[in-house]
C-alpha atoms as a PDB file:
ATOM      1  CA  UNK A   1     -27.191 -29.976 -31.978  1.00  0.00           C
ATOM      2  CA  UNK A   2     -25.519 -27.106 -33.760  1.00  0.00           C
ATOM      3  CA  UNK A   3     -21.788 -26.842 -34.238  1.00  0.00           C
ATOM      4  CA  UNK A   4     -21.804 -23.605 -32.258  1.00  0.00           C
ATOM      5  CA  UNK A   5     -23.466 -25.277 -29.277  1.00  0.00           C
ATOM      6  CA  UNK A   6     -21.000 -28.162 -29.432  1.00  0.00           C
ATOM      7  CA  UNK A   7     -18.128 -25.660 -29.470  1.00  0.00           C
ATOM      8  CA  UNK A   8     -19.531 -23.812 -26.454  1.00  0.00           C
ATOM      9  CA  UNK A   9     -20.021 -27.006 -24.442  1.00  0.00           C
ATOM     10  CA  UNK A  10     -16.536 -28.351 -25.172  1.00  0.00           C
ATOM     11  CA  UNK A  11     -14.856 -25.005 -24.546  1.00  0.00           C
ATOM     12  CA  UNK A  12     -16.753 -24.534 -21.280  1.00  0.00           C
ATOM     13  CA  UNK A  13     -15.733 -27.996 -20.065  1.00  0.00           C
ATOM     14  CA  UNK A  14     -12.079 -27.376 -20.881  1.00  0.00           C
ATOM     15  CA  UNK A  15     -11.797 -23.942 -19.248  1.00  0.00           C
ATOM     16  CA  UNK A  16     -13.913 -24.783 -16.189  1.00  0.00           C
ATOM     17  CA  UNK A  17     -13.091 -28.400 -15.393  1.00  0.00           C
ATOM     18  CA  UNK A  18      -9.636 -28.951 -16.864  1.00  0.00           C
ATOM     19  CA  UNK A  19      -7.928 -25.557 -16.784  1.00  0.00           C
ATOM     20  CA  UNK A  20      -9.889 -24.221 -13.791  1.00  0.00           C
ATOM     21  CA  UNK A  21     -10.006 -20.798 -15.460  1.00  0.00           C
ATOM     22  CA  UNK A  22     -13.728 -20.178 -16.100  1.00  0.00           C
ATOM     23  CA  UNK A  23     -13.180 -16.659 -17.430  1.00  0.00           C
ATOM     24  CA  UNK A  24     -10.691 -17.771 -20.084  1.00  0.00           C
ATOM     25  CA  UNK A  25     -11.719 -17.396 -23.712  1.00  0.00           C
ATOM     26  CA  UNK A  26     -10.717 -20.472 -25.697  1.00  0.00           C
ATOM     27  CA  UNK A  27     -10.811 -20.199 -29.491  1.00  0.00           C
ATOM     28  CA  UNK A  28     -11.926 -23.267 -31.401  1.00  0.00           C
ATOM     29  CA  UNK A  29      -8.687 -23.361 -33.408  1.00  0.00           C
ATOM     30  CA  UNK A  30      -6.289 -23.021 -30.464  1.00  0.00           C
ATOM     31  CA  UNK A  31      -4.026 -26.073 -30.127  1.00  0.00           C
ATOM     32  CA  UNK A  32      -4.705 -27.968 -26.923  1.00  0.00           C
ATOM     33  CA  UNK A  33      -2.122 -30.752 -26.985  1.00  0.00           C
ATOM     34  CA  UNK A  34       0.679 -29.391 -29.142  1.00  0.00           C
ATOM     35  CA  UNK A  35       0.716 -26.117 -27.197  1.00  0.00           C
ATOM     36  CA  UNK A  36       0.891 -27.920 -23.864  1.00  0.00           C
ATOM     37  CA  UNK A  37      -2.397 -26.403 -22.724  1.00  0.00           C
ATOM     38  CA  UNK A  38      -3.701 -29.818 -21.666  1.00  0.00           C
ATOM     39  CA  UNK A  39      -1.728 -32.880 -20.612  1.00  0.00           C
ATOM     40  CA  UNK A  40      -2.353 -36.592 -21.171  1.00  0.00           C
ATOM     41  CA  UNK A  41      -4.424 -36.969 -18.002  1.00  0.00           C
ATOM     42  CA  UNK A  42      -6.652 -34.075 -19.004  1.00  0.00           C
ATOM     43  CA  UNK A  43      -6.917 -35.528 -22.485  1.00  0.00           C
ATOM     44  CA  UNK A  44      -8.506 -38.683 -21.079  1.00  0.00           C
ATOM     45  CA  UNK A  45     -10.949 -36.577 -19.041  1.00  0.00           C
ATOM     46  CA  UNK A  46     -11.866 -34.642 -22.169  1.00  0.00           C
ATOM     47  CA  UNK A  47     -12.384 -37.840 -24.171  1.00  0.00           C
ATOM     48  CA  UNK A  48     -14.665 -39.271 -21.469  1.00  0.00           C
ATOM     49  CA  UNK A  49     -16.641 -36.031 -21.388  1.00  0.00           C
ATOM     50  CA  UNK A  50     -17.108 -36.083 -25.170  1.00  0.00           C
ATOM     51  CA  UNK A  51     -18.234 -39.701 -25.101  1.00  0.00           C
ATOM     52  CA  UNK A  52     -20.773 -39.026 -22.341  1.00  0.00           C
ATOM     53  CA  UNK A  53     -22.014 -35.650 -23.546  1.00  0.00           C
ATOM     54  CA  UNK A  54     -22.269 -36.392 -27.267  1.00  0.00           C
ATOM     55  CA  UNK A  55     -22.837 -40.154 -27.267  1.00  0.00           C
ATOM     56  CA  UNK A  56     -19.872 -41.044 -29.451  1.00  0.00           C
ATOM     57  CA  UNK A  57     -17.009 -43.505 -29.007  1.00  0.00           C
ATOM     58  CA  UNK A  58     -13.426 -42.238 -28.934  1.00  0.00           C
ATOM     59  CA  UNK A  59     -10.712 -44.836 -29.431  1.00  0.00           C
ATOM     60  CA  UNK A  60      -7.563 -44.467 -27.331  1.00  0.00           C
ATOM     61  CA  UNK A  61      -5.492 -44.291 -30.514  1.00  0.00           C
ATOM     62  CA  UNK A  62      -7.291 -41.052 -31.434  1.00  0.00           C
ATOM     63  CA  UNK A  63      -6.038 -39.194 -28.383  1.00  0.00           C
ATOM     64  CA  UNK A  64      -3.301 -37.374 -30.259  1.00  0.00           C
ATOM     65  CA  UNK A  65      -2.622 -34.016 -31.861  1.00  0.00           C
ATOM     66  CA  UNK A  66      -3.643 -35.230 -35.328  1.00  0.00           C
ATOM     67  CA  UNK A  67      -7.283 -35.789 -34.325  1.00  0.00           C
ATOM     68  CA  UNK A  68      -7.733 -34.205 -30.906  1.00  0.00           C
ATOM     69  CA  UNK A  69      -5.683 -30.983 -30.858  1.00  0.00           C
ATOM     70  CA  UNK A  70      -8.359 -28.325 -31.350  1.00  0.00           C
ATOM     71  CA  UNK A  71     -12.029 -27.921 -30.581  1.00  0.00           C
ATOM     72  CA  UNK A  72     -12.635 -27.733 -34.335  1.00  0.00           C
ATOM     73  CA  UNK A  73     -11.070 -31.196 -34.724  1.00  0.00           C
ATOM     74  CA  UNK A  74     -13.169 -32.532 -31.850  1.00  0.00           C
ATOM     75  CA  UNK A  75     -16.377 -31.227 -33.406  1.00  0.00           C
ATOM     76  CA  UNK A  76     -15.421 -32.808 -36.729  1.00  0.00           C
ATOM     77  CA  UNK A  77     -14.809 -36.142 -34.977  1.00  0.00           C
ATOM     78  CA  UNK A  78     -18.147 -35.930 -33.146  1.00  0.00           C
ATOM     79  CA  UNK A  79     -19.998 -35.216 -36.405  1.00  0.00           C
ATOM     80  CA  UNK A  80     -18.339 -38.191 -38.119  1.00  0.00           C
ATOM     81  CA  UNK A  81     -19.359 -40.523 -35.305  1.00  0.00           C
ATOM     82  CA  UNK A  82     -22.967 -39.494 -34.875  1.00  0.00           C
ATOM     83  CA  UNK A  83     -25.542 -41.704 -36.559  1.00  0.00           C
END
């Protein structure tokens, strides 16, 4: 799967399912956690989505702004975890 497709899928999930704003444009470098855009409950939902959609494991300790704050960071994490 291409990085662009991963970005589209993650962004679509966030704006439609978490933010409930399907027409919102979400840049891949926009901070999610540190800006307050998503909260800790939404963060867990996002982690579960990533695990299911991309077949990777996300440890609870990774649910922080250092590794999970932007879509770019999420894509990097997914790529590291894929076999």
